Protein backbone atom coordinates (compact mmCIF):
# COMPACT_ATOMS: atom_id res chain seq x y z
CA MET A 1 4.62 -8.23 10.22
CA THR A 2 1.18 -8.98 11.63
CA GLU A 3 -2.25 -8.31 10.24
CA ASN A 4 -3.52 -4.83 11.07
CA SER A 5 -6.82 -5.07 12.99
CA ASP A 6 -7.56 -1.42 12.10
CA TYR A 7 -7.96 -2.26 8.42
CA ARG A 8 -11.57 -1.57 7.41
CA PRO A 9 -12.02 -1.93 3.64
CA VAL A 10 -14.90 -0.46 1.66
CA VAL A 11 -15.91 -1.16 -1.93
CA TYR A 12 -16.67 2.10 -3.72
CA LEU A 13 -19.29 1.58 -6.45
CA ILE A 14 -19.58 4.18 -9.22
CA ASP A 15 -22.29 3.59 -11.82
CA ASP A 16 -24.99 5.78 -13.38
CA ASP A 17 -27.33 2.76 -13.65
CA THR A 18 -29.33 2.95 -10.41
CA GLY A 19 -30.58 -0.62 -10.69
CA MET A 20 -27.09 -2.00 -11.23
CA LEU A 21 -25.75 0.14 -8.40
CA GLU A 22 -28.35 -1.09 -5.93
CA SER A 23 -28.16 -4.76 -6.92
CA THR A 24 -24.36 -4.78 -6.74
CA ALA A 25 -24.39 -3.07 -3.36
CA TRP A 26 -26.95 -5.60 -2.10
CA LEU A 27 -24.79 -8.50 -3.32
CA LEU A 28 -21.67 -7.20 -1.59
CA GLU A 29 -23.41 -6.31 1.65
CA SER A 30 -25.02 -9.78 1.72
CA MET A 31 -21.43 -11.09 1.93
CA ASP A 32 -20.57 -8.63 4.75
CA ILE A 33 -18.53 -6.42 2.41
CA PRO A 34 -19.18 -2.73 3.24
CA CYS A 35 -19.73 -0.48 0.25
CA ARG A 36 -20.54 3.11 -0.72
CA THR A 37 -22.37 4.05 -3.90
CA PHE A 38 -21.95 7.03 -6.22
CA PRO A 39 -24.09 7.83 -9.31
CA ASP A 40 -21.23 9.53 -11.17
CA GLY A 41 -17.48 9.92 -11.17
CA ALA A 42 -17.42 13.58 -10.16
CA GLN A 43 -19.20 12.92 -6.86
CA PHE A 44 -16.85 10.07 -6.10
CA LEU A 45 -13.74 12.14 -6.82
CA GLU A 46 -14.98 14.77 -4.36
CA ALA A 47 -15.15 12.06 -1.67
CA VAL A 48 -11.66 10.67 -2.28
CA HIS A 49 -9.22 11.07 0.61
CA PRO A 50 -5.76 9.62 1.42
CA ASP A 51 -6.94 7.28 4.18
CA MET A 52 -9.38 5.31 2.03
CA THR A 53 -8.97 1.53 2.04
CA GLY A 54 -10.68 -1.12 -0.06
CA CYS A 55 -11.20 -1.04 -3.81
CA ILE A 56 -13.13 0.78 -6.53
CA LEU A 57 -15.73 -0.78 -8.83
CA LEU A 58 -16.04 1.69 -11.67
CA ASP A 59 -18.36 1.72 -14.70
CA VAL A 60 -16.63 2.76 -17.92
CA ARG A 61 -19.52 4.35 -19.80
CA MET A 62 -21.23 7.10 -17.83
CA PRO A 63 -22.61 10.51 -18.80
CA GLY A 64 -20.19 13.35 -18.19
CA MET A 65 -16.97 11.90 -16.82
CA GLY A 66 -16.48 8.32 -18.02
CA GLY A 67 -14.75 5.62 -16.01
CA LEU A 68 -11.43 5.87 -17.84
CA ASN A 69 -11.30 9.60 -17.13
CA VAL A 70 -12.12 8.95 -13.48
CA GLN A 71 -9.30 6.41 -13.41
CA GLN A 72 -6.88 9.03 -14.74
CA ALA A 73 -8.08 11.57 -12.18
CA LEU A 74 -7.48 9.05 -9.40
CA LYS A 75 -3.88 8.66 -10.54
CA GLU A 76 -3.45 12.43 -10.48
CA GLN A 77 -4.80 12.46 -6.92
CA HIS A 78 -2.32 9.69 -6.01
CA CYS A 79 -5.16 7.36 -5.04
CA GLU A 80 -3.71 3.86 -5.15
CA LEU A 81 -6.81 1.81 -4.40
CA PRO A 82 -7.26 -1.15 -6.76
CA VAL A 83 -9.64 -0.23 -9.59
CA ILE A 84 -11.95 -2.76 -11.21
CA LEU A 85 -13.53 -1.45 -14.40
CA ILE A 86 -16.87 -2.76 -15.65
CA SER A 87 -18.60 -2.23 -18.97
CA GLY A 88 -21.43 -3.64 -21.04
CA HIS A 89 -19.77 -2.60 -24.30
CA ALA A 90 -16.08 -3.36 -24.01
CA ASP A 91 -13.67 -3.37 -26.93
CA VAL A 92 -9.95 -4.14 -27.20
CA PRO A 93 -8.71 -0.49 -27.17
CA MET A 94 -10.83 0.23 -24.10
CA VAL A 95 -9.48 -2.78 -22.21
CA LYS A 96 -5.90 -1.93 -23.19
CA ARG A 97 -6.31 1.65 -22.00
CA ALA A 98 -7.81 0.44 -18.73
CA PHE A 99 -4.90 -1.84 -17.91
CA ARG A 100 -2.32 0.70 -19.05
CA GLY A 101 -3.95 3.08 -16.59
CA GLY A 102 -3.34 0.59 -13.80
CA ALA A 103 -6.68 -1.22 -13.57
CA THR A 104 -6.62 -4.34 -11.40
CA ASP A 105 -9.25 -6.10 -13.50
CA PHE A 106 -11.88 -5.58 -16.18
CA ILE A 107 -15.21 -7.40 -16.23
CA GLU A 108 -18.13 -7.16 -18.63
CA LYS A 109 -21.82 -6.72 -17.88
CA PRO A 110 -23.86 -8.73 -17.26
CA PHE A 111 -21.37 -10.38 -14.94
CA ASN A 112 -21.68 -13.56 -12.95
CA GLU A 113 -22.18 -12.81 -9.24
CA GLN A 114 -19.45 -15.23 -8.16
CA GLU A 115 -17.07 -13.77 -10.72
CA LEU A 116 -17.65 -10.31 -9.31
CA LEU A 117 -17.19 -11.47 -5.72
CA ASP A 118 -13.95 -13.27 -6.62
CA VAL A 119 -12.53 -10.22 -8.37
CA VAL A 120 -13.51 -7.92 -5.49
CA GLN A 121 -12.02 -10.24 -2.88
CA GLN A 122 -8.75 -10.39 -4.82
CA ALA A 123 -8.64 -6.59 -5.01
CA LEU A 124 -9.36 -6.24 -1.28
CA GLU A 125 -6.59 -8.72 -0.47
CA GLU A 126 -4.18 -6.75 -2.64
CA ASP A 127 -5.12 -3.51 -0.88
CA ARG A 128 -4.82 -5.16 2.55
CA ARG A 129 -1.23 -6.21 1.79
CA VAL A 130 -0.36 -2.69 0.63
CA HIS A 131 -2.00 -1.21 3.75
CA GLU A 132 -0.02 -3.52 6.05
CA ARG A 133 3.28 -2.73 4.32
CA ARG A 134 2.63 1.00 4.75
CA ALA A 135 1.65 0.57 8.40
CA TYR A 136 4.79 -1.48 9.04
CA ARG A 137 6.99 1.14 7.39
CA ARG A 138 5.43 3.89 9.55
CA GLU A 139 6.11 1.78 12.63
CA VAL A 140 9.74 1.23 11.59
CA GLU A 141 10.25 4.93 10.86
CA ALA A 142 8.87 5.76 14.32
CA ARG A 143 11.44 3.43 15.90
CA PHE A 144 14.29 5.13 14.06
CA ALA A 145 12.92 8.56 15.01
CA ALA A 146 13.21 7.58 18.69
CA LEU A 147 17.00 7.12 18.40
CA THR A 148 19.37 9.79 19.70
CA ARG A 149 21.70 11.52 17.23
CA ARG A 150 24.67 9.38 18.31
CA GLU A 151 22.61 6.22 18.01
CA ARG A 152 21.47 7.22 14.52
CA ASP A 153 25.11 7.78 13.54
CA LEU A 154 25.76 4.14 14.31
CA VAL A 155 22.90 2.64 12.30
CA GLU A 156 24.21 2.95 8.75
CA PRO A 157 27.77 1.74 9.47
CA LEU A 158 26.36 -1.28 11.31
CA ALA A 159 23.98 -2.05 8.46
CA ARG A 160 26.85 -1.74 5.96
CA GLY A 161 28.62 -4.54 7.79
CA LEU A 162 31.43 -2.55 9.41
CA ARG A 163 33.08 -4.00 12.52
CA SER A 164 33.16 -2.12 15.81
CA ARG A 165 36.78 -1.07 15.28
CA GLU A 166 36.00 0.27 11.81
CA ILE A 167 32.95 2.15 13.06
CA ALA A 168 34.95 3.61 15.92
CA GLU A 169 37.55 4.96 13.49
CA GLU A 170 34.83 6.36 11.20
CA LEU A 171 33.01 8.13 14.04
CA GLY A 172 36.07 9.10 16.04
CA VAL A 173 35.05 7.25 19.21
CA GLY A 174 36.31 4.25 21.15
CA ALA A 175 35.39 0.68 20.20
CA ARG A 176 33.85 0.12 23.66
CA THR A 177 31.61 3.15 23.06
CA VAL A 178 30.47 1.62 19.78
CA GLU A 179 29.57 -1.63 21.55
CA LEU A 180 27.63 0.31 24.20
CA TYR A 181 25.64 2.26 21.64
CA ARG A 182 25.10 -0.84 19.53
CA GLY A 183 23.23 -2.42 22.44
CA ARG A 184 21.12 0.71 22.86
CA VAL A 185 20.30 0.80 19.14
CA PHE A 186 19.17 -2.83 19.18
CA GLN A 187 17.04 -2.20 22.27
CA ARG A 188 15.34 0.91 20.90
CA LEU A 189 14.70 -0.69 17.50
CA GLN A 190 13.36 -3.84 19.22
CA ILE A 191 15.72 -6.19 17.38
CA ASN A 192 18.08 -8.96 18.41
CA ASN A 193 20.69 -9.19 15.67
CA LEU A 194 22.34 -7.50 12.72
CA ALA A 195 20.14 -9.24 10.15
CA GLU A 196 17.05 -7.66 11.71
CA LEU A 197 18.75 -4.25 11.68
CA VAL A 198 19.49 -4.61 7.97
CA GLN A 199 15.85 -5.54 7.33
CA LEU A 200 14.57 -2.45 9.15
CA CYS A 201 17.06 -0.21 7.35
CA VAL A 202 15.87 -1.53 3.99
CA VAL A 203 12.21 -0.99 4.95
CA ALA A 204 12.96 2.58 6.07
CA GLY A 205 15.00 3.31 2.94
CA ILE A 206 18.18 3.97 4.92
CA ILE A 207 20.28 1.56 2.87
CA ASP A 208 20.12 0.03 -0.59
CA PRO A 209 19.59 -3.75 -0.24
CA TYR A 210 21.87 -4.31 -3.26
CA GLN A 211 24.81 -2.56 -1.61
CA ILE A 212 25.03 -4.55 1.64
CA ASP A 213 28.29 -6.24 2.56
CA ILE A 214 27.87 -8.15 5.81
CA ASN A 215 31.17 -9.43 7.26
CA PRO A 216 31.04 -13.03 8.48
């Protein structure tokens, strides 16, 4: 799986403190990290869409909808971007609630600039890995979708470790036909061996990795 050159992360900053918002944006942009700023949670939630990449830097205490409520709303919208919560008045219950809600990290104001940059970079790296896994799965699913019906019939028995003779009996065809279609399956899926087929089937959710019995 190779790095996706289309990945373009953005740090989404949500804070009602204009000065903090501007200074944080300046810091990130000085390190070539693109960002978008929002003065409150409601405006940010209106801008959320499924194709967003990057991470969210979210103030806890804001008028109207606070950061923890925004975090909950993001979960309800199935937004899986890493969330970093920030607060100048943190307490133990607040921090616990943040992490139970899935926060990636929690930092207190005033924060050290390097600390903030480190936390943001870690969150962006986490999101990049998730993005690449999703892109790879879509690619794998597209390969399987290109198979003919007969070729698809062969995939699961092969991945389960059945021999050609066993597959032929299961599908009601000749063993030579199975060998012919096996070659076509490998070609269309762009693989060279059974181990690679098993890997693709696991990625696509076709088989359970704990129920694989590969014959020697």
